[in-house]
Amino acid sequence: MLPVLHFLELRSSFPDREALVPFPVTIEKLSGIWHCTPRYTKIIIRKLSELGWIEWRAGRGRGNTSVVTLLADAEELLLQEVKTKMEQGDVSEAMELMNRFGQSSVKNRLMDWLSDGMGFSTQMVSDRLEDTLRFPVYRKIVTLDPALSFYTFDAHMGGQIFNTLVEYDQETRMIKPSIAHSW
C-alpha cells in the first residue's frame, strides 16, 4: 500500500475542494476512486488519518454520508515522494508519478531541485577535496574507458570527457593535433 498514491488519487478526484474544508463523501465513492473493496477503503482511510493527511468523520449508520477534510498539501507530498524515488534510483516510477499528478508549479520545483544537483561540485570528504560531476542520464554507463567502449552511448560519454589524439578541421580539411604534439 502506497499512502502517497492513495492521497494523490483522492486529491485529484476532488480538485475543486479546498484544503481544510470538510466535504461529504461515501465509502462507495472512495472505493470507486481507489478501485478496491469497502473493507480495504477503510484501511486506507485509517492509514491516511494516522499520517495526518486527512481527517475522517464516519457517517452514523449504514449508507450515511461521511465527512473528509484534506489536511496535507498534495504538491508537497508529491514532490517529496518523487525526490525519494529519484534518490533510490527509481526514475521511471518517479516520472510516472509526476506526469500523472504534477501540475506545472510542482514540475518546475522538481526541475529546480534536479538542476541544483547537476554539474560540477567540489566537497570535502575525509580531509581531502573530492570533485564530482553529475549529469542526468537514463541509461547505465558500462565503461568510460575509450579502449573498452562497445556501445555508442558509452563512446559518446567518453568523448565528452577525453580528448582525442587528433581532430579533423572541417574548414581546412586537415587533421590537426589535439593531445598529440607530433608524429
N, C-alpha and C. Protein backbone atom coordinates (compact mmCIF):
# COMPACT_ATOMS: atom_id res chain seq x y z
N MET A 1 0.86 -1.18 0.00
CA MET A 1 0.00 0.00 0.00
C MET A 1 0.90 1.23 0.00
N LEU A 2 0.66 2.13 -0.92
CA LEU A 2 1.41 3.37 -1.02
C LEU A 2 0.49 4.52 -0.63
N PRO A 3 0.57 4.99 0.61
CA PRO A 3 -0.35 6.03 1.08
C PRO A 3 -0.30 7.31 0.25
N VAL A 4 0.90 7.68 -0.23
CA VAL A 4 1.01 8.90 -1.04
C VAL A 4 0.16 8.78 -2.29
N LEU A 5 0.21 7.63 -2.94
CA LEU A 5 -0.58 7.42 -4.15
C LEU A 5 -2.07 7.51 -3.84
N HIS A 6 -2.49 6.92 -2.74
CA HIS A 6 -3.91 6.99 -2.36
C HIS A 6 -4.34 8.43 -2.09
N PHE A 7 -3.49 9.17 -1.39
CA PHE A 7 -3.84 10.56 -1.11
C PHE A 7 -3.90 11.38 -2.40
N LEU A 8 -2.94 11.18 -3.29
CA LEU A 8 -2.93 11.93 -4.55
C LEU A 8 -4.14 11.58 -5.42
N GLU A 9 -4.53 10.31 -5.43
CA GLU A 9 -5.74 9.91 -6.17
C GLU A 9 -6.98 10.56 -5.56
N LEU A 10 -7.04 10.59 -4.23
CA LEU A 10 -8.16 11.24 -3.55
C LEU A 10 -8.20 12.72 -3.90
N ARG A 11 -7.04 13.37 -3.82
CA ARG A 11 -6.97 14.82 -4.09
C ARG A 11 -7.34 15.13 -5.52
N SER A 12 -6.87 14.31 -6.47
CA SER A 12 -7.17 14.59 -7.88
C SER A 12 -8.63 14.27 -8.23
N SER A 13 -9.29 13.45 -7.40
CA SER A 13 -10.71 13.16 -7.63
C SER A 13 -11.61 14.29 -7.16
N PHE A 14 -11.09 15.14 -6.30
CA PHE A 14 -11.84 16.28 -5.79
C PHE A 14 -11.03 17.57 -5.98
N PRO A 15 -10.76 17.94 -7.24
CA PRO A 15 -9.89 19.09 -7.48
C PRO A 15 -10.51 20.42 -7.05
N ASP A 16 -11.83 20.48 -7.03
CA ASP A 16 -12.50 21.75 -6.67
C ASP A 16 -12.63 21.94 -5.16
N ARG A 17 -12.30 20.92 -4.38
CA ARG A 17 -12.41 21.01 -2.91
C ARG A 17 -11.16 21.66 -2.34
N GLU A 18 -11.37 22.62 -1.45
CA GLU A 18 -10.26 23.31 -0.82
C GLU A 18 -9.73 22.49 0.35
N ALA A 19 -8.45 22.65 0.62
CA ALA A 19 -7.86 22.01 1.79
C ALA A 19 -8.43 22.63 3.05
N LEU A 20 -8.52 21.84 4.08
CA LEU A 20 -9.00 22.25 5.41
C LEU A 20 -10.50 22.56 5.45
N VAL A 21 -11.23 22.28 4.37
CA VAL A 21 -12.67 22.49 4.35
C VAL A 21 -13.34 21.11 4.23
N PRO A 22 -14.10 20.69 5.25
CA PRO A 22 -14.75 19.38 5.22
C PRO A 22 -15.78 19.28 4.08
N PHE A 23 -15.88 18.08 3.51
CA PHE A 23 -16.90 17.85 2.49
C PHE A 23 -17.41 16.41 2.60
N PRO A 24 -18.65 16.18 2.16
CA PRO A 24 -19.25 14.84 2.30
C PRO A 24 -18.73 13.87 1.24
N VAL A 25 -18.61 12.62 1.65
CA VAL A 25 -18.18 11.56 0.74
C VAL A 25 -18.66 10.23 1.32
N THR A 26 -18.84 9.25 0.47
CA THR A 26 -19.27 7.92 0.92
C THR A 26 -18.13 6.91 0.72
N ILE A 27 -18.20 5.84 1.45
CA ILE A 27 -17.23 4.75 1.31
C ILE A 27 -17.30 4.20 -0.11
N GLU A 28 -18.50 4.11 -0.67
CA GLU A 28 -18.67 3.58 -2.03
C GLU A 28 -17.95 4.47 -3.04
N LYS A 29 -18.04 5.77 -2.87
CA LYS A 29 -17.36 6.72 -3.77
C LYS A 29 -15.84 6.52 -3.68
N LEU A 30 -15.33 6.40 -2.45
CA LEU A 30 -13.89 6.21 -2.26
C LEU A 30 -13.43 4.86 -2.80
N SER A 31 -14.28 3.84 -2.66
CA SER A 31 -13.95 2.52 -3.21
C SER A 31 -13.81 2.59 -4.73
N GLY A 32 -14.64 3.41 -5.35
CA GLY A 32 -14.55 3.61 -6.79
C GLY A 32 -13.28 4.37 -7.19
N ILE A 33 -12.89 5.33 -6.40
CA ILE A 33 -11.67 6.11 -6.69
C ILE A 33 -10.44 5.21 -6.58
N TRP A 34 -10.38 4.40 -5.53
CA TRP A 34 -9.20 3.57 -5.29
C TRP A 34 -9.33 2.18 -5.90
N HIS A 35 -10.47 1.86 -6.52
CA HIS A 35 -10.69 0.57 -7.18
C HIS A 35 -10.41 -0.59 -6.22
N CYS A 36 -11.07 -0.54 -5.07
CA CYS A 36 -10.88 -1.59 -4.08
C CYS A 36 -12.20 -1.83 -3.34
N THR A 37 -12.18 -2.77 -2.43
CA THR A 37 -13.38 -3.12 -1.66
C THR A 37 -13.62 -2.07 -0.57
N PRO A 38 -14.86 -1.99 -0.08
CA PRO A 38 -15.13 -1.08 1.04
C PRO A 38 -14.26 -1.38 2.27
N ARG A 39 -13.99 -2.64 2.51
CA ARG A 39 -13.15 -3.00 3.66
C ARG A 39 -11.74 -2.43 3.51
N TYR A 40 -11.15 -2.58 2.33
CA TYR A 40 -9.81 -2.06 2.10
C TYR A 40 -9.81 -0.53 2.08
N THR A 41 -10.91 0.05 1.61
CA THR A 41 -11.05 1.50 1.63
C THR A 41 -10.94 2.03 3.06
N LYS A 42 -11.56 1.33 4.00
CA LYS A 42 -11.49 1.74 5.41
C LYS A 42 -10.07 1.65 5.94
N ILE A 43 -9.31 0.67 5.49
CA ILE A 43 -7.91 0.54 5.90
C ILE A 43 -7.11 1.73 5.37
N ILE A 44 -7.36 2.10 4.12
CA ILE A 44 -6.67 3.25 3.53
C ILE A 44 -7.02 4.53 4.29
N ILE A 45 -8.31 4.71 4.59
CA ILE A 45 -8.75 5.90 5.34
C ILE A 45 -8.06 5.96 6.69
N ARG A 46 -7.98 4.83 7.37
CA ARG A 46 -7.32 4.78 8.68
C ARG A 46 -5.85 5.18 8.56
N LYS A 47 -5.18 4.67 7.52
CA LYS A 47 -3.76 4.97 7.33
C LYS A 47 -3.56 6.46 7.03
N LEU A 48 -4.37 7.03 6.15
CA LEU A 48 -4.25 8.45 5.81
C LEU A 48 -4.56 9.33 7.01
N SER A 49 -5.48 8.89 7.86
CA SER A 49 -5.80 9.62 9.09
C SER A 49 -4.63 9.56 10.07
N GLU A 50 -4.02 8.37 10.22
CA GLU A 50 -2.88 8.22 11.12
C GLU A 50 -1.71 9.10 10.69
N LEU A 51 -1.53 9.25 9.38
CA LEU A 51 -0.45 10.08 8.87
C LEU A 51 -0.74 11.58 9.02
N GLY A 52 -2.01 11.89 9.34
CA GLY A 52 -2.39 13.29 9.49
C GLY A 52 -2.66 14.00 8.19
N TRP A 53 -2.89 13.24 7.12
CA TRP A 53 -3.13 13.83 5.81
C TRP A 53 -4.60 14.13 5.58
N ILE A 54 -5.47 13.41 6.28
CA ILE A 54 -6.91 13.67 6.20
C ILE A 54 -7.50 13.61 7.60
N GLU A 55 -8.67 14.19 7.74
CA GLU A 55 -9.47 14.00 8.95
C GLU A 55 -10.75 13.33 8.48
N TRP A 56 -11.16 12.28 9.19
CA TRP A 56 -12.31 11.47 8.78
C TRP A 56 -13.32 11.41 9.90
N ARG A 57 -14.56 11.74 9.55
CA ARG A 57 -15.67 11.56 10.48
C ARG A 57 -16.68 10.65 9.79
N ALA A 58 -16.80 9.44 10.31
CA ALA A 58 -17.68 8.44 9.69
C ALA A 58 -19.14 8.81 9.92
N GLY A 59 -19.93 8.57 8.87
CA GLY A 59 -21.37 8.78 8.98
C GLY A 59 -21.99 7.71 9.85
N ARG A 60 -22.97 8.07 10.66
CA ARG A 60 -23.63 7.12 11.57
C ARG A 60 -24.59 6.24 10.78
N GLY A 61 -24.44 4.95 10.93
CA GLY A 61 -25.36 4.02 10.28
C GLY A 61 -24.95 3.68 8.86
N ARG A 62 -25.54 2.60 8.37
CA ARG A 62 -25.22 2.10 7.04
C ARG A 62 -25.76 3.05 5.96
N GLY A 63 -24.88 3.40 5.01
CA GLY A 63 -25.29 4.22 3.87
C GLY A 63 -25.29 5.72 4.13
N ASN A 64 -24.98 6.14 5.35
CA ASN A 64 -24.93 7.58 5.64
C ASN A 64 -23.62 8.18 5.15
N THR A 65 -23.69 9.44 4.78
CA THR A 65 -22.54 10.13 4.24
C THR A 65 -21.54 10.48 5.35
N SER A 66 -20.27 10.25 5.06
CA SER A 66 -19.19 10.60 5.97
C SER A 66 -18.63 11.95 5.54
N VAL A 67 -17.74 12.50 6.36
CA VAL A 67 -17.14 13.80 6.06
C VAL A 67 -15.62 13.64 6.10
N VAL A 68 -14.95 14.14 5.06
CA VAL A 68 -13.50 14.09 5.00
C VAL A 68 -12.96 15.52 4.87
N THR A 69 -11.83 15.76 5.50
CA THR A 69 -11.13 17.03 5.38
C THR A 69 -9.71 16.74 4.92
N LEU A 70 -9.30 17.37 3.84
CA LEU A 70 -7.95 17.19 3.32
C LEU A 70 -7.01 18.13 4.07
N LEU A 71 -6.05 17.55 4.78
CA LEU A 71 -5.16 18.34 5.62
C LEU A 71 -3.77 18.56 5.00
N ALA A 72 -3.30 17.62 4.21
CA ALA A 72 -1.94 17.69 3.66
C ALA A 72 -1.93 18.43 2.33
N ASP A 73 -0.76 18.97 1.99
CA ASP A 73 -0.55 19.64 0.71
C ASP A 73 -0.12 18.59 -0.31
N ALA A 74 -0.95 18.36 -1.31
CA ALA A 74 -0.69 17.31 -2.30
C ALA A 74 0.60 17.57 -3.06
N GLU A 75 0.89 18.83 -3.39
CA GLU A 75 2.12 19.14 -4.14
C GLU A 75 3.36 18.80 -3.33
N GLU A 76 3.34 19.12 -2.04
CA GLU A 76 4.48 18.82 -1.17
C GLU A 76 4.70 17.31 -1.06
N LEU A 77 3.60 16.57 -0.87
CA LEU A 77 3.72 15.12 -0.77
C LEU A 77 4.24 14.52 -2.06
N LEU A 78 3.72 15.00 -3.19
CA LEU A 78 4.16 14.50 -4.49
C LEU A 78 5.64 14.79 -4.69
N LEU A 79 6.06 16.01 -4.44
CA LEU A 79 7.45 16.39 -4.63
C LEU A 79 8.38 15.56 -3.75
N GLN A 80 7.99 15.36 -2.51
CA GLN A 80 8.82 14.57 -1.60
C GLN A 80 8.91 13.12 -2.05
N GLU A 81 7.79 12.55 -2.50
CA GLU A 81 7.80 11.16 -2.97
C GLU A 81 8.64 11.01 -4.23
N VAL A 82 8.53 11.96 -5.15
CA VAL A 82 9.31 11.90 -6.39
C VAL A 82 10.80 12.02 -6.07
N LYS A 83 11.17 12.93 -5.17
CA LYS A 83 12.57 13.07 -4.78
C LYS A 83 13.10 11.77 -4.16
N THR A 84 12.29 11.16 -3.30
CA THR A 84 12.70 9.91 -2.66
C THR A 84 12.92 8.82 -3.69
N LYS A 85 12.00 8.69 -4.62
CA LYS A 85 12.13 7.66 -5.66
C LYS A 85 13.35 7.91 -6.53
N MET A 86 13.61 9.18 -6.85
CA MET A 86 14.79 9.52 -7.67
C MET A 86 16.07 9.16 -6.92
N GLU A 87 16.13 9.48 -5.64
CA GLU A 87 17.32 9.17 -4.85
C GLU A 87 17.53 7.67 -4.71
N GLN A 88 16.46 6.90 -4.77
CA GLN A 88 16.56 5.44 -4.72
C GLN A 88 16.88 4.85 -6.08
N GLY A 89 16.93 5.69 -7.12
CA GLY A 89 17.25 5.23 -8.46
C GLY A 89 16.06 4.78 -9.27
N ASP A 90 14.86 4.97 -8.77
CA ASP A 90 13.65 4.56 -9.47
C ASP A 90 13.09 5.75 -10.26
N VAL A 91 13.83 6.17 -11.28
CA VAL A 91 13.49 7.37 -12.04
C VAL A 91 12.20 7.20 -12.82
N SER A 92 11.99 6.04 -13.41
CA SER A 92 10.80 5.84 -14.24
C SER A 92 9.52 5.93 -13.41
N GLU A 93 9.52 5.35 -12.22
CA GLU A 93 8.32 5.43 -11.37
C GLU A 93 8.12 6.86 -10.86
N ALA A 94 9.23 7.54 -10.56
CA ALA A 94 9.14 8.93 -10.11
C ALA A 94 8.53 9.81 -11.20
N MET A 95 8.98 9.62 -12.42
CA MET A 95 8.46 10.45 -13.53
C MET A 95 7.01 10.09 -13.84
N GLU A 96 6.66 8.83 -13.68
CA GLU A 96 5.27 8.42 -13.88
C GLU A 96 4.35 9.12 -12.87
N LEU A 97 4.77 9.16 -11.62
CA LEU A 97 4.00 9.87 -10.59
C LEU A 97 3.88 11.36 -10.93
N MET A 98 4.99 11.97 -11.33
CA MET A 98 4.99 13.40 -11.64
C MET A 98 4.09 13.68 -12.85
N ASN A 99 4.17 12.85 -13.86
CA ASN A 99 3.34 13.07 -15.05
C ASN A 99 1.86 12.86 -14.76
N ARG A 100 1.56 11.96 -13.85
CA ARG A 100 0.16 11.67 -13.54
C ARG A 100 -0.48 12.73 -12.65
N PHE A 101 0.27 13.20 -11.64
CA PHE A 101 -0.34 14.09 -10.65
C PHE A 101 0.24 15.51 -10.62
N GLY A 102 1.37 15.73 -11.27
CA GLY A 102 2.05 17.01 -11.13
C GLY A 102 1.48 18.12 -12.00
N GLN A 103 1.26 19.25 -11.38
CA GLN A 103 0.90 20.47 -12.11
C GLN A 103 2.20 21.19 -12.47
N SER A 104 2.11 22.23 -13.28
CA SER A 104 3.32 22.91 -13.74
C SER A 104 4.15 23.48 -12.60
N SER A 105 3.52 23.96 -11.54
CA SER A 105 4.28 24.55 -10.44
C SER A 105 5.16 23.52 -9.74
N VAL A 106 4.64 22.34 -9.49
CA VAL A 106 5.45 21.30 -8.82
C VAL A 106 6.48 20.73 -9.79
N LYS A 107 6.17 20.69 -11.07
CA LYS A 107 7.16 20.23 -12.05
C LYS A 107 8.33 21.20 -12.11
N ASN A 108 8.04 22.49 -12.04
CA ASN A 108 9.11 23.50 -12.03
C ASN A 108 9.98 23.35 -10.79
N ARG A 109 9.37 23.08 -9.65
CA ARG A 109 10.14 22.89 -8.41
C ARG A 109 11.03 21.66 -8.51
N LEU A 110 10.53 20.60 -9.15
CA LEU A 110 11.33 19.40 -9.34
C LEU A 110 12.52 19.70 -10.25
N MET A 111 12.29 20.43 -11.32
CA MET A 111 13.37 20.78 -12.24
C MET A 111 14.43 21.62 -11.54
N ASP A 112 14.02 22.54 -10.67
CA ASP A 112 14.97 23.34 -9.90
C ASP A 112 15.81 22.44 -8.99
N TRP A 113 15.15 21.49 -8.33
CA TRP A 113 15.86 20.56 -7.45
C TRP A 113 16.86 19.71 -8.24
N LEU A 114 16.44 19.23 -9.41
CA LEU A 114 17.34 18.44 -10.25
C LEU A 114 18.52 19.27 -10.73
N SER A 115 18.25 20.50 -11.13
CA SER A 115 19.32 21.38 -11.63
C SER A 115 20.34 21.68 -10.54
N ASP A 116 19.88 21.84 -9.31
CA ASP A 116 20.80 22.11 -8.21
C ASP A 116 21.77 20.95 -7.99
N GLY A 117 21.33 19.75 -8.27
CA GLY A 117 22.18 18.58 -8.05
C GLY A 117 23.07 18.24 -9.22
N MET A 118 22.90 18.88 -10.37
CA MET A 118 23.66 18.56 -11.57
C MET A 118 24.88 19.47 -11.70
N GLY A 119 25.83 19.02 -12.50
CA GLY A 119 27.00 19.82 -12.79
C GLY A 119 28.20 19.41 -11.93
N PHE A 120 29.16 20.31 -11.90
CA PHE A 120 30.42 20.06 -11.21
C PHE A 120 30.37 20.63 -9.81
N SER A 121 30.82 19.86 -8.83
CA SER A 121 30.89 20.35 -7.46
C SER A 121 32.12 19.78 -6.77
N THR A 122 32.61 20.51 -5.80
CA THR A 122 33.76 20.07 -5.01
C THR A 122 33.32 20.03 -3.55
N GLN A 123 33.61 18.91 -2.89
CA GLN A 123 33.24 18.75 -1.49
C GLN A 123 34.42 18.20 -0.71
N MET A 124 34.43 18.50 0.58
CA MET A 124 35.46 17.97 1.47
C MET A 124 35.01 16.60 1.96
N VAL A 125 35.79 15.56 1.65
CA VAL A 125 35.49 14.20 2.06
C VAL A 125 36.74 13.61 2.69
N SER A 126 36.63 13.24 3.96
CA SER A 126 37.75 12.64 4.70
C SER A 126 39.02 13.47 4.60
N ASP A 127 38.92 14.74 4.90
CA ASP A 127 40.07 15.66 4.92
C ASP A 127 40.74 15.87 3.57
N ARG A 128 40.01 15.66 2.48
CA ARG A 128 40.55 15.96 1.16
C ARG A 128 39.40 16.43 0.26
N LEU A 129 39.74 17.21 -0.74
CA LEU A 129 38.73 17.69 -1.67
C LEU A 129 38.40 16.61 -2.69
N GLU A 130 37.11 16.45 -2.95
CA GLU A 130 36.66 15.46 -3.93
C GLU A 130 35.79 16.16 -4.96
N ASP A 131 36.15 16.01 -6.24
CA ASP A 131 35.37 16.60 -7.33
C ASP A 131 34.34 15.60 -7.81
N THR A 132 33.13 16.10 -8.06
CA THR A 132 32.04 15.25 -8.54
C THR A 132 31.38 15.92 -9.74
N LEU A 133 31.13 15.14 -10.78
CA LEU A 133 30.40 15.62 -11.94
C LEU A 133 29.12 14.80 -12.03
N ARG A 134 27.97 15.48 -11.95
CA ARG A 134 26.67 14.81 -12.04
C ARG A 134 25.95 15.32 -13.28
N PHE A 135 25.40 14.38 -14.03
CA PHE A 135 24.58 14.75 -15.17
C PHE A 135 23.50 13.70 -15.35
N PRO A 136 22.35 14.14 -15.87
CA PRO A 136 21.22 13.20 -15.96
C PRO A 136 21.33 12.28 -17.18
N VAL A 137 21.42 11.00 -16.91
CA VAL A 137 21.36 10.00 -17.97
C VAL A 137 20.42 8.90 -17.50
N TYR A 138 19.71 8.32 -18.43
CA TYR A 138 18.74 7.29 -18.08
C TYR A 138 19.25 5.90 -18.40
N ARG A 139 20.36 5.83 -19.11
CA ARG A 139 20.94 4.52 -19.42
C ARG A 139 22.12 4.26 -18.50
N LYS A 140 22.40 3.02 -18.28
CA LYS A 140 23.55 2.65 -17.47
C LYS A 140 24.81 2.80 -18.32
N ILE A 141 25.83 3.45 -17.76
CA ILE A 141 27.11 3.59 -18.43
C ILE A 141 27.93 2.35 -18.09
N VAL A 142 28.30 1.60 -19.11
CA VAL A 142 29.04 0.35 -18.90
C VAL A 142 30.50 0.65 -18.60
N THR A 143 31.11 1.52 -19.41
CA THR A 143 32.50 1.89 -19.22
C THR A 143 32.75 3.28 -19.79
N LEU A 144 33.70 3.97 -19.21
CA LEU A 144 34.14 5.26 -19.75
C LEU A 144 35.53 5.14 -20.38
N ASP A 145 36.09 3.94 -20.38
CA ASP A 145 37.39 3.71 -21.00
C ASP A 145 37.19 3.63 -22.51
N PRO A 146 37.76 4.58 -23.26
CA PRO A 146 37.55 4.57 -24.72
C PRO A 146 38.02 3.28 -25.39
N ALA A 147 39.02 2.63 -24.82
CA ALA A 147 39.52 1.39 -25.42
C ALA A 147 38.55 0.24 -25.25
N LEU A 148 37.68 0.33 -24.24
CA LEU A 148 36.75 -0.75 -23.96
C LEU A 148 35.31 -0.43 -24.36
N SER A 149 35.08 0.75 -24.92
CA SER A 149 33.72 1.17 -25.29
C SER A 149 33.20 0.32 -26.42
N PHE A 150 32.03 -0.25 -26.19
CA PHE A 150 31.37 -1.05 -27.21
C PHE A 150 30.09 -0.38 -27.68
N TYR A 151 29.40 0.27 -26.76
CA TYR A 151 28.13 0.90 -27.06
C TYR A 151 28.32 2.35 -27.45
N THR A 152 27.46 2.84 -28.33
CA THR A 152 27.52 4.22 -28.80
C THR A 152 27.38 5.20 -27.66
N PHE A 153 26.50 4.92 -26.72
CA PHE A 153 26.29 5.82 -25.59
C PHE A 153 27.56 5.95 -24.76
N ASP A 154 28.24 4.82 -24.51
CA ASP A 154 29.49 4.86 -23.75
C ASP A 154 30.56 5.65 -24.51
N ALA A 155 30.65 5.45 -25.82
CA ALA A 155 31.62 6.18 -26.63
C ALA A 155 31.33 7.68 -26.62
N HIS A 156 30.06 8.03 -26.67
CA HIS A 156 29.68 9.45 -26.62
C HIS A 156 30.06 10.07 -25.28
N MET A 157 29.77 9.37 -24.18
CA MET A 157 30.13 9.88 -22.85
C MET A 157 31.64 10.00 -22.71
N GLY A 158 32.38 9.00 -23.19
CA GLY A 158 33.84 9.06 -23.15
C GLY A 158 34.37 10.23 -23.96
N GLY A 159 33.73 10.51 -25.10
CA GLY A 159 34.12 11.64 -25.94
C GLY A 159 33.89 12.98 -25.26
N GLN A 160 32.97 13.04 -24.30
CA GLN A 160 32.72 14.28 -23.57
C GLN A 160 33.78 14.51 -22.49
N ILE A 161 34.48 13.44 -22.12
CA ILE A 161 35.45 13.53 -21.03
C ILE A 161 36.89 13.58 -21.55
N PHE A 162 37.21 12.76 -22.55
CA PHE A 162 38.58 12.62 -23.03
C PHE A 162 38.79 13.35 -24.35
N ASN A 163 39.99 13.86 -24.54
CA ASN A 163 40.39 14.41 -25.83
C ASN A 163 40.90 13.27 -26.71
N THR A 164 40.84 13.49 -28.01
CA THR A 164 41.39 12.51 -28.95
C THR A 164 42.82 12.90 -29.29
N LEU A 165 43.56 12.01 -29.92
CA LEU A 165 44.92 12.33 -30.33
C LEU A 165 44.94 13.44 -31.36
N VAL A 166 44.01 13.36 -32.31
CA VAL A 166 43.93 14.37 -33.37
C VAL A 166 42.47 14.77 -33.57
N GLU A 167 42.27 15.89 -34.25
CA GLU A 167 40.92 16.36 -34.60
C GLU A 167 40.89 16.70 -36.09
N TYR A 168 39.75 16.52 -36.69
CA TYR A 168 39.59 16.86 -38.10
C TYR A 168 38.95 18.24 -38.20
N ASP A 169 39.60 19.15 -38.91
CA ASP A 169 39.09 20.50 -39.10
C ASP A 169 38.28 20.52 -40.39
N GLN A 170 36.99 20.74 -40.28
CA GLN A 170 36.08 20.71 -41.44
C GLN A 170 36.40 21.81 -42.45
N GLU A 171 36.78 22.99 -41.98
CA GLU A 171 37.02 24.13 -42.88
C GLU A 171 38.27 23.93 -43.73
N THR A 172 39.36 23.55 -43.09
CA THR A 172 40.62 23.40 -43.84
C THR A 172 40.80 21.99 -44.39
N ARG A 173 39.95 21.09 -43.96
CA ARG A 173 40.01 19.69 -44.37
C ARG A 173 41.38 19.08 -44.06
N MET A 174 41.84 19.45 -42.85
CA MET A 174 43.15 18.98 -42.41
C MET A 174 43.00 18.29 -41.05
N ILE A 175 43.90 17.39 -40.77
CA ILE A 175 43.97 16.76 -39.47
C ILE A 175 44.92 17.58 -38.62
N LYS A 176 44.45 18.00 -37.45
CA LYS A 176 45.26 18.83 -36.55
C LYS A 176 45.48 18.08 -35.24
N PRO A 177 46.60 18.34 -34.60
CA PRO A 177 46.86 17.66 -33.33
C PRO A 177 45.93 18.14 -32.23
N SER A 178 45.59 17.23 -31.34
CA SER A 178 44.82 17.58 -30.13
C SER A 178 45.74 17.33 -28.95
N ILE A 179 45.77 16.10 -28.44
CA ILE A 179 46.73 15.82 -27.37
C ILE A 179 48.05 15.29 -27.97
N ALA A 180 48.05 14.94 -29.23
CA ALA A 180 49.30 14.53 -29.91
C ALA A 180 50.05 15.80 -30.34
N HIS A 181 51.29 15.92 -29.93
CA HIS A 181 52.07 17.12 -30.27
C HIS A 181 52.81 16.94 -31.58
N SER A 182 53.21 15.74 -31.88
CA SER A 182 53.92 15.50 -33.14
C SER A 182 53.79 14.01 -33.49
N TRP A 183 54.07 13.70 -34.76
CA TRP A 183 54.11 12.30 -35.18
C TRP A 183 54.99 12.18 -36.40
